[in-house]
Amino acid sequence: MQEDEFVEPDELAPPSGSDSSEAVGPAGESDRALDETHDVTQLYLNEIGRESLLTPAEERKLTQRVRQGDFAARQQMIEHNLRLVVNIAKHYANRGLTLLDLIEEGNLGLMHALDKFEPERGFRFSTYATWWIRQNVERAIMNQSRTIRLPVHIIKEMNIYLRAQRHLESHGVPDAGPEEIAALTDKPVADVRRLMRLNEHMASLDAPLDIDPSLSIGEAIADENSEMPEDMLQAFEVEQYIHEWLSELPDKHRWVIERRFGLNEQGIATLEVLAEQLGVTRERVRQVQLEGLQTLRRILRRKGVDKEGLF
């Protein structure tokens, strides 16, 4: 088959510039491969299920040993966190990689997280590692999606089935399956099932992430210039503390400070805008702001927090 016989499917929208590959094989061989993969995956899950979760004290001791170059401690930390990788990997099923492949990529992220983990920042290792595990898994999915291109006759046939599925769903048949699609298109059920299964394993840049449907896979690609995860976590914790401290202020003082500084998802507002909304003078809003800030400083002093320790 010649290179010009391959096209990019509109319905699936995999990224252009990918290498050609045959994605469809005999149904019997595919089913046997799936069964074998399932068996291996189950053996792995049974094996790691024997490891208990670490207590915070155990985690601190192991981490100290890891930083001293203790290989056995490193292995222990990894083994006790393999279930975390599996739980995260399950969220990315049916995105172009088998669960075992997703777990393997997640394990690489876990090991990278252990190399960079700094327990003195006050985070649990699992919290820190989650970011790196997800980044590795999502990068692997993106790399896989770039390599999938299909022969034109497969794409045309698949598009027929996808249009039929949308037609059925728009006419009162939710979750239309292979049987309904086959009846509408006058095609063998086995053919429909085979190609619909293939479609389920295709990942598009525009496909939503399971863990956050508001984001697409393309938006989740790692940015080499982005903030480090420990800095992002620290900023998140600071935001949580600020929310807690503000809740101790009187309602009017809290509202003015939130609006003036754009806190808690409030837009930044000028004194004039707030004065108009409250029906008071601009100077009165300034006084409320100053009173609120003074009260907030007393709260921070009472809690033993200074600006240097916070930021």
Protein backbone atom coordinates (compact mmCIF):
# COMPACT_ATOMS: atom_id res chain seq x y z
CA MET A 1 0.00 0.00 0.00
CA GLN A 2 1.37 3.43 -0.95
CA GLU A 3 1.90 6.29 1.48
CA ASP A 4 -0.64 8.49 -0.33
CA GLU A 5 -3.38 5.97 0.45
CA PHE A 6 -3.29 7.08 4.08
CA VAL A 7 -5.28 10.08 5.33
CA GLU A 8 -6.05 11.66 8.65
CA PRO A 9 -9.59 10.76 9.87
CA ASP A 10 -11.78 13.78 10.59
CA GLU A 11 -13.86 11.91 13.12
CA LEU A 12 -10.87 10.72 15.16
CA ALA A 13 -8.56 13.68 14.54
CA PRO A 14 -5.23 12.14 15.49
CA PRO A 15 -2.32 14.55 15.08
CA SER A 16 -0.78 14.86 11.63
CA GLY A 17 2.74 13.86 10.75
CA SER A 18 2.49 10.43 12.40
CA ASP A 19 3.97 7.15 11.27
CA SER A 20 1.71 4.65 9.50
CA SER A 21 0.73 1.48 11.33
CA GLU A 22 -1.78 -1.30 10.93
CA ALA A 23 -4.21 -1.05 13.86
CA VAL A 24 -6.61 -3.88 12.99
CA GLY A 25 -5.89 -7.61 13.12
CA PRO A 26 -7.96 -10.79 13.06
CA ALA A 27 -10.58 -10.74 15.80
CA GLY A 28 -9.45 -14.06 17.27
CA GLU A 29 -5.83 -12.94 17.62
CA SER A 30 -6.93 -9.66 19.17
CA ASP A 31 -9.13 -11.40 21.74
CA ARG A 32 -6.35 -13.82 22.69
CA ALA A 33 -3.91 -10.95 23.12
CA LEU A 34 -6.39 -9.11 25.33
CA ASP A 35 -6.87 -12.21 27.49
CA GLU A 36 -3.11 -12.67 27.91
CA THR A 37 -2.65 -9.01 28.79
CA HIS A 38 -5.45 -9.24 31.34
CA ASP A 39 -3.81 -12.27 32.99
CA VAL A 40 -0.43 -10.54 33.28
CA THR A 41 -2.05 -7.38 34.62
CA GLN A 42 -4.00 -9.34 37.23
CA LEU A 43 -0.85 -11.12 38.40
CA TYR A 44 0.87 -7.76 38.82
CA LEU A 45 -2.07 -6.28 40.74
CA ASN A 46 -2.17 -9.30 43.05
CA GLU A 47 1.55 -8.98 43.68
CA ILE A 48 1.59 -5.29 44.62
CA GLY A 49 -1.58 -5.67 46.69
CA ARG A 50 0.49 -7.40 49.36
CA GLU A 51 2.35 -4.20 50.21
CA SER A 52 0.82 -2.11 53.00
CA LEU A 53 0.66 1.68 52.97
CA LEU A 54 3.39 3.54 54.81
CA THR A 55 2.65 5.62 57.89
CA PRO A 56 3.96 9.22 57.87
CA ALA A 57 6.69 8.22 60.34
CA GLU A 58 7.78 5.25 58.23
CA GLU A 59 7.78 7.43 55.13
CA ARG A 60 10.02 10.04 56.77
CA LYS A 61 12.54 7.42 57.92
CA LEU A 62 12.67 5.73 54.52
CA THR A 63 13.02 9.06 52.73
CA GLN A 64 15.99 10.01 54.90
CA ARG A 65 17.65 6.70 54.04
CA VAL A 66 16.91 7.20 50.33
CA ARG A 67 18.61 10.59 50.39
CA GLN A 68 21.65 8.94 51.95
CA GLY A 69 21.89 6.59 48.97
CA ASP A 70 20.25 3.52 50.54
CA PHE A 71 19.13 1.43 47.56
CA ALA A 72 17.02 -0.96 49.68
CA ALA A 73 15.09 1.98 51.14
CA ARG A 74 14.51 3.33 47.64
CA GLN A 75 13.07 -0.01 46.53
CA GLN A 76 10.85 -0.09 49.60
CA MET A 77 9.49 3.39 48.94
CA ILE A 78 8.72 2.48 45.33
CA GLU A 79 7.07 -0.84 46.17
CA HIS A 80 4.84 0.69 48.86
CA ASN A 81 3.58 3.31 46.37
CA LEU A 82 2.91 1.09 43.36
CA ARG A 83 -0.80 0.96 44.20
CA LEU A 84 -0.92 4.75 43.87
CA VAL A 85 0.36 4.38 40.30
CA VAL A 86 -2.31 1.77 39.49
CA ASN A 87 -5.11 3.95 40.88
CA ILE A 88 -3.98 6.88 38.71
CA ALA A 89 -3.37 4.73 35.62
CA LYS A 90 -6.93 3.35 35.73
CA HIS A 91 -8.25 6.85 35.02
CA TYR A 92 -6.53 6.77 31.62
CA ALA A 93 -7.89 3.43 30.36
CA ASN A 94 -9.03 3.22 26.71
CA ARG A 95 -6.81 6.09 25.60
CA GLY A 96 -4.52 4.10 23.31
CA LEU A 97 -2.38 2.17 25.80
CA THR A 98 -3.03 -0.99 27.81
CA LEU A 99 -3.36 -0.69 31.57
CA LEU A 100 -0.02 -2.45 31.98
CA ASP A 101 1.67 0.10 29.68
CA LEU A 102 0.06 2.95 31.60
CA ILE A 103 1.29 1.48 34.88
CA GLU A 104 4.81 1.12 33.49
CA GLU A 105 4.86 4.78 32.47
CA GLY A 106 3.43 5.80 35.82
CA ASN A 107 6.13 3.82 37.63
CA LEU A 108 8.77 5.85 35.79
CA GLY A 109 7.07 9.01 37.04
CA LEU A 110 7.02 7.57 40.57
CA MET A 111 10.78 6.93 40.49
CA HIS A 112 11.44 10.41 39.13
CA ALA A 113 9.33 11.90 41.93
CA LEU A 114 11.35 10.00 44.53
CA ASP A 115 14.58 11.45 43.11
CA LYS A 116 13.25 15.01 43.48
CA PHE A 117 11.21 14.66 46.69
CA GLU A 118 12.08 17.06 49.53
CA PRO A 119 10.20 15.99 52.70
CA GLU A 120 11.19 19.14 54.59
CA ARG A 121 8.63 21.04 52.50
CA GLY A 122 5.93 19.30 54.53
CA PHE A 123 4.14 17.30 51.81
CA ARG A 124 3.38 13.59 51.89
CA PHE A 125 5.24 11.72 49.16
CA SER A 126 2.01 10.45 47.58
CA THR A 127 0.78 14.03 47.13
CA TYR A 128 4.00 15.06 45.44
CA ALA A 129 4.36 11.89 43.34
CA THR A 130 0.84 12.15 41.91
CA TRP A 131 1.84 15.10 39.72
CA TRP A 132 4.83 13.29 38.22
CA ILE A 133 2.91 10.05 37.69
CA ARG A 134 0.15 11.85 35.80
CA GLN A 135 2.64 13.81 33.72
CA ASN A 136 4.43 10.63 32.62
CA VAL A 137 1.21 8.78 31.80
CA GLU A 138 -0.25 11.68 29.81
CA ARG A 139 2.99 12.17 27.88
CA ALA A 140 2.97 8.45 26.95
CA ILE A 141 -0.63 8.73 25.74
CA MET A 142 0.28 11.71 23.60
CA ASN A 143 3.27 9.90 22.09
CA GLN A 144 1.03 6.94 21.27
CA SER A 145 -1.67 9.11 19.70
CA ARG A 146 0.91 10.70 17.39
CA THR A 147 1.82 7.31 15.87
CA ILE A 148 -1.64 6.13 14.82
CA ARG A 149 -2.71 6.53 11.18
CA LEU A 150 -5.20 4.29 9.43
CA PRO A 151 -5.80 3.13 5.84
CA VAL A 152 -8.42 5.23 4.05
CA HIS A 153 -10.93 2.37 3.64
CA ILE A 154 -10.84 1.70 7.40
CA ILE A 155 -11.39 5.39 8.14
CA LYS A 156 -14.34 5.62 5.75
CA GLU A 157 -15.98 2.56 7.25
CA MET A 158 -15.41 3.77 10.79
CA ASN A 159 -16.88 7.18 9.97
CA ILE A 160 -20.04 5.49 8.66
CA TYR A 161 -20.45 3.71 11.99
CA LEU A 162 -19.73 6.85 14.01
CA ARG A 163 -22.30 8.86 12.04
CA ALA A 164 -24.82 6.06 12.51
CA GLN A 165 -24.13 6.05 16.24
CA ARG A 166 -24.72 9.81 16.48
CA HIS A 167 -27.90 9.47 14.41
CA LEU A 168 -29.27 6.80 16.73
CA GLU A 169 -28.38 8.77 19.84
CA SER A 170 -30.08 11.89 18.47
CA HIS A 171 -33.21 9.84 17.80
CA GLY A 172 -33.72 8.44 21.27
CA VAL A 173 -31.26 5.52 21.36
CA PRO A 174 -28.71 6.45 24.03
CA ASP A 175 -25.46 4.44 24.15
CA ALA A 176 -26.15 2.81 20.79
CA GLY A 177 -24.13 -0.41 20.56
CA PRO A 178 -22.76 -2.50 17.67
CA GLU A 179 -26.06 -4.36 17.18
CA GLU A 180 -28.10 -1.17 16.66
CA ILE A 181 -25.43 0.36 14.41
CA ALA A 182 -25.18 -2.83 12.34
CA ALA A 183 -28.95 -2.91 11.85
CA LEU A 184 -29.01 0.71 10.67
CA THR A 185 -26.03 0.40 8.30
CA ASP A 186 -26.79 -3.15 7.10
CA LYS A 187 -23.30 -4.33 8.08
CA PRO A 188 -22.19 -7.46 9.96
CA VAL A 189 -22.25 -6.99 13.73
CA ALA A 190 -18.73 -8.44 14.02
CA ASP A 191 -17.32 -5.79 11.65
CA VAL A 192 -19.00 -2.98 13.53
CA ARG A 193 -17.81 -4.30 16.88
CA ARG A 194 -14.23 -4.65 15.61
CA LEU A 195 -13.96 -1.07 14.35
CA MET A 196 -15.84 0.46 17.26
CA ARG A 197 -13.41 -1.29 19.60
CA LEU A 198 -10.56 0.25 17.62
CA ASN A 199 -12.15 3.67 17.94
CA GLU A 200 -12.34 3.28 21.72
CA HIS A 201 -8.57 2.89 21.83
CA MET A 202 -7.83 5.98 19.72
CA ALA A 203 -6.66 9.07 21.61
CA SER A 204 -7.15 12.53 20.14
CA LEU A 205 -5.49 15.75 21.22
CA ASP A 206 -9.00 17.09 21.73
CA ALA A 207 -10.17 14.14 23.86
CA PRO A 208 -11.08 15.15 27.43
CA LEU A 209 -9.01 13.92 30.35
CA ASP A 210 -10.85 11.47 32.59
CA ILE A 211 -9.55 13.13 35.74
CA ASP A 212 -10.67 16.59 34.57
CA PRO A 213 -13.13 16.67 31.64
CA SER A 214 -12.70 20.44 31.38
CA LEU A 215 -9.19 19.82 29.99
CA SER A 216 -8.15 18.07 26.80
CA ILE A 217 -5.15 15.78 26.45
CA GLY A 218 -3.45 18.46 24.37
CA GLU A 219 -3.80 20.97 27.20
CA ALA A 220 -2.21 18.48 29.60
CA ILE A 221 1.05 18.10 27.69
CA ALA A 222 3.93 18.88 30.01
CA ASP A 223 5.35 22.38 29.71
CA GLU A 224 9.09 22.36 30.33
CA ASN A 225 8.86 25.99 31.47
CA SER A 226 6.01 25.42 33.93
CA GLU A 227 6.32 25.72 37.70
CA MET A 228 7.75 22.81 39.63
CA PRO A 229 5.05 20.73 41.36
CA GLU A 230 6.40 21.45 44.86
CA ASP A 231 6.06 25.19 44.20
CA MET A 232 2.52 24.71 42.89
CA LEU A 233 1.60 22.67 45.97
CA GLN A 234 3.08 25.30 48.28
CA ALA A 235 1.09 28.04 46.54
CA PHE A 236 -2.07 25.93 46.89
CA GLU A 237 -1.49 25.47 50.63
CA VAL A 238 -0.88 29.20 51.09
CA GLU A 239 -4.16 29.91 49.30
CA GLN A 240 -5.97 27.49 51.61
CA TYR A 241 -4.51 29.21 54.67
CA ILE A 242 -5.50 32.65 53.37
CA HIS A 243 -9.07 31.43 52.88
CA GLU A 244 -9.09 30.14 56.46
CA TRP A 245 -7.74 33.40 57.90
CA LEU A 246 -10.13 35.56 55.92
CA SER A 247 -13.06 33.56 57.28
CA GLU A 248 -12.27 35.00 60.73
CA LEU A 249 -12.89 38.56 59.56
CA PRO A 250 -16.29 40.31 59.75
CA ASP A 251 -18.27 39.80 56.55
CA LYS A 252 -17.90 43.35 55.23
CA HIS A 253 -14.15 43.47 55.90
CA ARG A 254 -13.60 40.07 54.30
CA TRP A 255 -15.63 41.00 51.21
CA VAL A 256 -13.75 44.29 50.69
CA ILE A 257 -10.32 42.65 51.04
CA GLU A 258 -11.27 39.81 48.70
CA ARG A 259 -12.46 42.28 46.06
CA ARG A 260 -9.55 44.69 46.44
CA PHE A 261 -6.91 41.95 46.13
CA GLY A 262 -8.72 39.51 43.83
CA LEU A 263 -8.84 36.68 46.37
CA ASN A 264 -11.08 33.58 46.36
CA GLU A 265 -11.77 33.97 42.63
CA GLN A 266 -13.11 37.50 43.12
CA GLY A 267 -12.08 40.00 40.47
CA ILE A 268 -9.89 42.93 41.54
CA ALA A 269 -12.07 46.02 42.05
CA THR A 270 -11.25 49.70 42.58
CA LEU A 271 -12.33 51.74 45.60
CA GLU A 272 -14.81 53.59 43.39
CA VAL A 273 -16.51 50.40 42.21
CA LEU A 274 -16.81 49.01 45.75
CA ALA A 275 -18.09 52.34 47.07
CA GLU A 276 -20.84 52.32 44.46
CA GLN A 277 -21.77 48.71 45.23
CA LEU A 278 -21.89 49.32 48.99
CA GLY A 279 -23.57 52.72 48.72
CA VAL A 280 -20.85 54.47 50.74
CA THR A 281 -18.03 56.89 50.03
CA ARG A 282 -14.69 55.93 48.55
CA GLU A 283 -12.97 56.96 51.79
CA ARG A 284 -15.24 54.68 53.84
CA VAL A 285 -14.22 51.70 51.68
CA ARG A 286 -10.56 52.59 52.28
CA GLN A 287 -11.19 52.63 56.04
CA VAL A 288 -12.90 49.22 55.93
CA GLN A 289 -9.95 47.86 53.95
CA LEU A 290 -7.41 49.19 56.47
CA GLU A 291 -9.44 47.86 59.42
CA GLY A 292 -9.63 44.45 57.76
CA LEU A 293 -5.88 44.35 57.07
CA GLN A 294 -5.09 45.33 60.66
CA THR A 295 -7.36 42.57 61.96
CA LEU A 296 -5.74 40.12 59.56
CA ARG A 297 -2.26 41.05 60.84
CA ARG A 298 -3.39 40.39 64.42
CA ILE A 299 -4.73 36.98 63.34
CA LEU A 300 -1.40 36.10 61.71
CA ARG A 301 0.59 37.23 64.77
CA ARG A 302 -1.66 35.15 67.01
CA LYS A 303 -0.96 32.11 64.83
CA GLY A 304 2.78 32.79 64.80
CA VAL A 305 2.92 33.46 61.05
CA ASP A 306 5.28 36.01 59.52
CA LYS A 307 5.58 37.15 55.90
CA GLU A 308 8.95 35.44 55.42
CA GLY A 309 7.68 32.10 56.72
CA LEU A 310 4.58 32.31 54.56
CA PHE A 311 6.12 33.30 51.22
